[in-house]
Amino acid sequence: RRLIERFRKEGKTVMFSSHIMSEVQRLCDRVLILHKGVLRYNGRVEALYAQHRTNDLDQIMMNIVG
């Protein structure tokens, strides 16, 4: 986590794959959501929150992948 956070502060891009939404929320500025090989979302975390009217990534994932 510290290494990813340091790279983030330095403006470096890190690809991080996880199903643990609390980690994604803590470490990521942008997210890409794939479900069954189909791109369902690609963009900023804040825009995803606004689109779903919540900042609960677990709930958003359930909304997207059903």
N, C-alpha and C. Protein backbone atom coordinates (compact mmCIF):
# COMPACT_ATOMS: atom_id res chain seq x y z
N ARG A 1 0.83 -1.20 0.00
CA ARG A 1 0.00 0.00 0.00
C ARG A 1 0.87 1.25 0.00
N ARG A 2 1.89 1.25 0.82
CA ARG A 2 2.73 2.46 0.90
C ARG A 2 3.41 2.76 -0.43
N LEU A 3 3.85 1.72 -1.10
CA LEU A 3 4.51 1.91 -2.39
C LEU A 3 3.51 2.47 -3.41
N ILE A 4 2.33 1.91 -3.46
CA ILE A 4 1.30 2.41 -4.39
C ILE A 4 0.94 3.85 -4.05
N GLU A 5 0.78 4.16 -2.76
CA GLU A 5 0.47 5.53 -2.36
C GLU A 5 1.59 6.49 -2.73
N ARG A 6 2.84 6.05 -2.57
CA ARG A 6 3.97 6.91 -2.94
C ARG A 6 3.98 7.18 -4.44
N PHE A 7 3.79 6.13 -5.24
CA PHE A 7 3.74 6.32 -6.69
C PHE A 7 2.59 7.25 -7.07
N ARG A 8 1.46 7.10 -6.42
CA ARG A 8 0.30 7.95 -6.69
C ARG A 8 0.65 9.42 -6.44
N LYS A 9 1.29 9.70 -5.30
CA LYS A 9 1.68 11.07 -4.96
C LYS A 9 2.69 11.63 -5.96
N GLU A 10 3.51 10.74 -6.54
CA GLU A 10 4.50 11.15 -7.54
C GLU A 10 3.89 11.29 -8.93
N GLY A 11 2.60 10.99 -9.07
CA GLY A 11 1.93 11.12 -10.35
C GLY A 11 2.17 9.96 -11.29
N LYS A 12 2.66 8.86 -10.77
CA LYS A 12 2.92 7.68 -11.60
C LYS A 12 1.65 6.84 -11.73
N THR A 13 1.56 6.13 -12.82
CA THR A 13 0.43 5.24 -13.06
C THR A 13 0.76 3.85 -12.54
N VAL A 14 -0.17 3.31 -11.78
CA VAL A 14 -0.04 1.95 -11.27
C VAL A 14 -1.34 1.23 -11.60
N MET A 15 -1.22 0.08 -12.24
CA MET A 15 -2.40 -0.75 -12.49
C MET A 15 -2.56 -1.67 -11.30
N PHE A 16 -3.72 -1.62 -10.69
CA PHE A 16 -4.00 -2.35 -9.45
C PHE A 16 -5.29 -3.11 -9.65
N SER A 17 -5.26 -4.41 -9.47
CA SER A 17 -6.44 -5.23 -9.66
C SER A 17 -6.88 -5.80 -8.32
N SER A 18 -8.16 -5.61 -7.99
CA SER A 18 -8.65 -6.10 -6.72
C SER A 18 -10.16 -6.23 -6.73
N HIS A 19 -10.65 -7.15 -5.92
CA HIS A 19 -12.08 -7.26 -5.66
C HIS A 19 -12.41 -6.69 -4.29
N ILE A 20 -11.41 -6.16 -3.61
CA ILE A 20 -11.59 -5.58 -2.28
C ILE A 20 -11.82 -4.08 -2.46
N MET A 21 -13.09 -3.69 -2.43
CA MET A 21 -13.46 -2.33 -2.76
C MET A 21 -12.89 -1.29 -1.80
N SER A 22 -12.67 -1.64 -0.54
CA SER A 22 -12.07 -0.68 0.39
C SER A 22 -10.65 -0.33 -0.03
N GLU A 23 -9.92 -1.29 -0.59
CA GLU A 23 -8.58 -1.03 -1.11
C GLU A 23 -8.65 -0.15 -2.35
N VAL A 24 -9.57 -0.46 -3.22
CA VAL A 24 -9.75 0.34 -4.44
C VAL A 24 -10.08 1.78 -4.05
N GLN A 25 -11.01 1.93 -3.12
CA GLN A 25 -11.43 3.26 -2.68
C GLN A 25 -10.25 4.04 -2.08
N ARG A 26 -9.41 3.36 -1.34
CA ARG A 26 -8.28 4.01 -0.68
C ARG A 26 -7.16 4.37 -1.64
N LEU A 27 -6.92 3.54 -2.65
CA LEU A 27 -5.71 3.67 -3.46
C LEU A 27 -5.91 4.23 -4.87
N CYS A 28 -7.13 4.24 -5.37
CA CYS A 28 -7.33 4.53 -6.79
C CYS A 28 -8.02 5.87 -7.05
N ASP A 29 -7.57 6.54 -8.11
CA ASP A 29 -8.22 7.75 -8.60
C ASP A 29 -9.20 7.41 -9.72
N ARG A 30 -8.83 6.40 -10.49
CA ARG A 30 -9.63 5.95 -11.63
C ARG A 30 -9.90 4.46 -11.46
N VAL A 31 -11.03 4.03 -12.01
CA VAL A 31 -11.35 2.60 -11.96
C VAL A 31 -11.81 2.13 -13.33
N LEU A 32 -11.58 0.88 -13.56
CA LEU A 32 -12.06 0.19 -14.75
C LEU A 32 -12.76 -1.05 -14.24
N ILE A 33 -14.03 -1.20 -14.59
CA ILE A 33 -14.80 -2.34 -14.11
C ILE A 33 -15.12 -3.24 -15.30
N LEU A 34 -14.66 -4.49 -15.21
CA LEU A 34 -14.96 -5.50 -16.21
C LEU A 34 -15.90 -6.52 -15.58
N HIS A 35 -16.88 -6.95 -16.36
CA HIS A 35 -17.77 -8.01 -15.90
C HIS A 35 -18.01 -8.96 -17.05
N LYS A 36 -17.60 -10.21 -16.87
CA LYS A 36 -17.71 -11.24 -17.90
C LYS A 36 -17.08 -10.79 -19.22
N GLY A 37 -15.93 -10.13 -19.10
CA GLY A 37 -15.19 -9.69 -20.28
C GLY A 37 -15.71 -8.44 -20.94
N VAL A 38 -16.72 -7.81 -20.36
CA VAL A 38 -17.31 -6.60 -20.93
C VAL A 38 -16.94 -5.40 -20.05
N LEU A 39 -16.42 -4.36 -20.69
CA LEU A 39 -16.09 -3.14 -19.97
C LEU A 39 -17.38 -2.46 -19.53
N ARG A 40 -17.56 -2.31 -18.24
CA ARG A 40 -18.79 -1.72 -17.70
C ARG A 40 -18.58 -0.28 -17.24
N TYR A 41 -17.33 0.09 -16.87
CA TYR A 41 -17.04 1.46 -16.45
C TYR A 41 -15.55 1.71 -16.59
N ASN A 42 -15.21 2.91 -17.02
CA ASN A 42 -13.83 3.35 -17.10
C ASN A 42 -13.83 4.84 -16.85
N GLY A 43 -13.33 5.25 -15.69
CA GLY A 43 -13.30 6.67 -15.40
C GLY A 43 -12.90 6.97 -13.98
N ARG A 44 -13.09 8.21 -13.60
CA ARG A 44 -12.72 8.68 -12.27
C ARG A 44 -13.68 8.14 -11.22
N VAL A 45 -13.13 7.86 -10.06
CA VAL A 45 -13.92 7.34 -8.96
C VAL A 45 -15.03 8.31 -8.58
N GLU A 46 -14.72 9.61 -8.54
CA GLU A 46 -15.73 10.61 -8.16
C GLU A 46 -16.91 10.61 -9.13
N ALA A 47 -16.65 10.42 -10.41
CA ALA A 47 -17.72 10.37 -11.40
C ALA A 47 -18.58 9.13 -11.20
N LEU A 48 -17.96 8.04 -10.82
CA LEU A 48 -18.70 6.80 -10.53
C LEU A 48 -19.61 7.02 -9.33
N TYR A 49 -19.09 7.67 -8.29
CA TYR A 49 -19.91 7.99 -7.11
C TYR A 49 -21.11 8.84 -7.52
N ALA A 50 -20.86 9.88 -8.30
CA ALA A 50 -21.94 10.79 -8.72
C ALA A 50 -22.99 10.05 -9.55
N GLN A 51 -22.53 9.20 -10.45
CA GLN A 51 -23.43 8.45 -11.32
C GLN A 51 -24.37 7.55 -10.51
N HIS A 52 -23.86 6.99 -9.41
CA HIS A 52 -24.64 6.06 -8.61
C HIS A 52 -25.19 6.69 -7.33
N ARG A 53 -24.88 7.97 -7.14
CA ARG A 53 -25.36 8.74 -5.97
C ARG A 53 -24.98 8.11 -4.64
N THR A 54 -23.80 7.52 -4.59
CA THR A 54 -23.26 6.94 -3.35
C THR A 54 -21.75 6.80 -3.50
N ASN A 55 -21.06 6.75 -2.38
CA ASN A 55 -19.62 6.48 -2.43
C ASN A 55 -19.31 5.10 -1.86
N ASP A 56 -20.30 4.24 -1.85
CA ASP A 56 -20.16 2.86 -1.38
C ASP A 56 -19.83 1.98 -2.59
N LEU A 57 -18.53 1.71 -2.77
CA LEU A 57 -18.11 0.94 -3.95
C LEU A 57 -18.65 -0.48 -3.95
N ASP A 58 -18.83 -1.07 -2.79
CA ASP A 58 -19.43 -2.40 -2.75
C ASP A 58 -20.84 -2.38 -3.35
N GLN A 59 -21.62 -1.38 -2.97
CA GLN A 59 -22.98 -1.25 -3.49
C GLN A 59 -22.96 -0.94 -5.00
N ILE A 60 -22.06 -0.07 -5.39
CA ILE A 60 -21.95 0.26 -6.81
C ILE A 60 -21.61 -0.98 -7.63
N MET A 61 -20.68 -1.78 -7.15
CA MET A 61 -20.32 -3.01 -7.86
C MET A 61 -21.53 -3.95 -7.99
N MET A 62 -22.30 -4.07 -6.93
CA MET A 62 -23.49 -4.92 -6.99
C MET A 62 -24.49 -4.35 -8.00
N ASN A 63 -24.62 -3.03 -8.06
CA ASN A 63 -25.51 -2.41 -9.04
C ASN A 63 -25.05 -2.70 -10.48
N ILE A 64 -23.74 -2.66 -10.69
CA ILE A 64 -23.20 -2.84 -12.03
C ILE A 64 -23.22 -4.29 -12.49
N VAL A 65 -22.78 -5.19 -11.62
CA VAL A 65 -22.66 -6.59 -12.04
C VAL A 65 -23.85 -7.45 -11.66
N GLY A 66 -24.76 -6.88 -10.88
CA GLY A 66 -26.02 -7.54 -10.54
C GLY A 66 -25.88 -8.76 -9.74
